[in-house]
Amino acid sequence: MHTITLKSDDQFYDTLNEMVKTLNTTKSDLIRKSVIYYKSVLEKEKLKAQIKQASLKVREESLKVSQEFENSLDDGL
């Protein structure tokens, strides 16, 4: 296991200690779990953005195909 040292202001330190007492855990465990959770949040946000981008691309293609179909109806077929 590695050791990480960080500097914090009084507010962060007080918040950390309050959470440690409330959750009955250690500072190390709380910070470790928080980083893991934050990483999962970032990954979900990235995936959400990728899905949105893909959806918009598909929507554009669908609109083009729909417009082409509408135009073909005017051809008298």
C-alpha atoms as a PDB file:
ATOM      1  CA  MET A   1       0.000   0.000   0.000  1.00  0.00           C
ATOM      2  CA  HIS A   2       1.212   3.525  -0.775  1.00  0.00           C
ATOM      3  CA  THR A   3       1.006   6.591   1.425  1.00  0.00           C
ATOM      4  CA  ILE A   4      -0.413   9.866   0.128  1.00  0.00           C
ATOM      5  CA  THR A   5      -0.094  13.138   1.987  1.00  0.00           C
ATOM      6  CA  LEU A   6      -2.345  16.086   1.259  1.00  0.00           C
ATOM      7  CA  LYS A   7      -2.775  19.576   2.572  1.00  0.00           C
ATOM      8  CA  SER A   8      -6.241  20.845   3.416  1.00  0.00           C
ATOM      9  CA  ASP A   9      -7.895  23.920   4.775  1.00  0.00           C
ATOM     10  CA  ASP A  10      -9.781  23.862   8.075  1.00  0.00           C
ATOM     11  CA  GLN A  11     -13.197  23.518   6.431  1.00  0.00           C
ATOM     12  CA  PHE A  12     -12.188  20.435   4.447  1.00  0.00           C
ATOM     13  CA  TYR A  13     -10.533  18.901   7.501  1.00  0.00           C
ATOM     14  CA  ASP A  14     -13.615  19.517   9.658  1.00  0.00           C
ATOM     15  CA  THR A  15     -15.906  18.092   6.989  1.00  0.00           C
ATOM     16  CA  LEU A  16     -13.712  15.026   6.638  1.00  0.00           C
ATOM     17  CA  ASN A  17     -13.688  14.422  10.384  1.00  0.00           C
ATOM     18  CA  GLU A  18     -17.451  14.887  10.608  1.00  0.00           C
ATOM     19  CA  MET A  19     -18.030  12.366   7.827  1.00  0.00           C
ATOM     20  CA  VAL A  20     -15.583   9.887   9.387  1.00  0.00           C
ATOM     21  CA  LYS A  21     -17.504   9.993  12.663  1.00  0.00           C
ATOM     22  CA  THR A  22     -20.888   9.760  10.958  1.00  0.00           C
ATOM     23  CA  LEU A  23     -19.872   6.832   8.764  1.00  0.00           C
ATOM     24  CA  ASN A  24     -17.765   5.150  11.429  1.00  0.00           C
ATOM     25  CA  THR A  25     -14.794   4.728   9.121  1.00  0.00           C
ATOM     26  CA  THR A  26     -11.249   5.996   8.721  1.00  0.00           C
ATOM     27  CA  LYS A  27     -10.072   9.068   6.837  1.00  0.00           C
ATOM     28  CA  SER A  28      -8.095   6.865   4.484  1.00  0.00           C
ATOM     29  CA  ASP A  29     -11.069   4.640   3.724  1.00  0.00           C
ATOM     30  CA  LEU A  30     -13.390   7.598   3.193  1.00  0.00           C
ATOM     31  CA  ILE A  31     -10.973   9.330   0.819  1.00  0.00           C
ATOM     32  CA  ARG A  32     -10.244   6.060  -1.016  1.00  0.00           C
ATOM     33  CA  LYS A  33     -13.957   5.349  -1.530  1.00  0.00           C
ATOM     34  CA  SER A  34     -14.621   8.968  -2.503  1.00  0.00           C
ATOM     35  CA  VAL A  35     -11.983   8.884  -5.231  1.00  0.00           C
ATOM     36  CA  ILE A  36     -13.321   5.586  -6.573  1.00  0.00           C
ATOM     37  CA  TYR A  37     -16.868   6.968  -6.552  1.00  0.00           C
ATOM     38  CA  TYR A  38     -15.810  10.197  -8.268  1.00  0.00           C
ATOM     39  CA  LYS A  39     -14.013   8.193 -10.957  1.00  0.00           C
ATOM     40  CA  SER A  40     -17.211   6.223 -11.625  1.00  0.00           C
ATOM     41  CA  VAL A  41     -19.200   9.469 -11.866  1.00  0.00           C
ATOM     42  CA  LEU A  42     -16.746  10.860 -14.420  1.00  0.00           C
ATOM     43  CA  GLU A  43     -16.881   7.636 -16.447  1.00  0.00           C
ATOM     44  CA  LYS A  44     -20.697   7.741 -16.462  1.00  0.00           C
ATOM     45  CA  GLU A  45     -20.679  11.374 -17.589  1.00  0.00           C
ATOM     46  CA  LYS A  46     -18.246  10.527 -20.385  1.00  0.00           C
ATOM     47  CA  LEU A  47     -20.401   7.601 -21.506  1.00  0.00           C
ATOM     48  CA  LYS A  48     -23.519   9.764 -21.366  1.00  0.00           C
ATOM     49  CA  ALA A  49     -21.844  12.368 -23.591  1.00  0.00           C
ATOM     50  CA  GLN A  50     -20.771   9.662 -26.066  1.00  0.00           C
ATOM     51  CA  ILE A  51     -24.302   8.241 -26.206  1.00  0.00           C
ATOM     52  CA  LYS A  52     -25.763  11.712 -26.718  1.00  0.00           C
ATOM     53  CA  GLN A  53     -23.315  12.418 -29.544  1.00  0.00           C
ATOM     54  CA  ALA A  54     -24.120   9.092 -31.215  1.00  0.00           C
ATOM     55  CA  SER A  55     -27.835   9.726 -30.799  1.00  0.00           C
ATOM     56  CA  LEU A  56     -27.575  13.132 -32.449  1.00  0.00           C
ATOM     57  CA  LYS A  57     -25.634  11.612 -35.348  1.00  0.00           C
ATOM     58  CA  VAL A  58     -28.246   8.886 -35.818  1.00  0.00           C
ATOM     59  CA  ARG A  59     -31.016  11.480 -35.618  1.00  0.00           C
ATOM     60  CA  GLU A  60     -29.376  13.533 -38.390  1.00  0.00           C
ATOM     61  CA  GLU A  61     -29.071  10.449 -40.580  1.00  0.00           C
ATOM     62  CA  SER A  62     -32.680   9.488 -39.887  1.00  0.00           C
ATOM     63  CA  LEU A  63     -33.866  12.959 -40.875  1.00  0.00           C
ATOM     64  CA  LYS A  64     -31.911  12.730 -44.136  1.00  0.00           C
ATOM     65  CA  VAL A  65     -33.415   9.337 -44.962  1.00  0.00           C
ATOM     66  CA  SER A  66     -36.888  10.561 -44.054  1.00  0.00           C
ATOM     67  CA  GLN A  67     -36.476  13.623 -46.269  1.00  0.00           C
ATOM     68  CA  GLU A  68     -35.265  11.454 -49.153  1.00  0.00           C
ATOM     69  CA  PHE A  69     -38.308   9.222 -48.711  1.00  0.00           C
ATOM     70  CA  GLU A  70     -40.635  12.233 -48.661  1.00  0.00           C
ATOM     71  CA  ASN A  71     -38.997  13.545 -51.831  1.00  0.00           C
ATOM     72  CA  SER A  72     -39.427  10.180 -53.545  1.00  0.00           C
ATOM     73  CA  LEU A  73     -43.185  10.312 -52.915  1.00  0.00           C
ATOM     74  CA  ASP A  74     -43.334  13.381 -55.136  1.00  0.00           C
ATOM     75  CA  ASP A  75     -41.777  11.368 -57.993  1.00  0.00           C
ATOM     76  CA  GLY A  76     -45.139   9.802 -58.760  1.00  0.00           C
ATOM     77  CA  LEU A  77     -44.186   6.251 -57.831  1.00  0.00           C
END
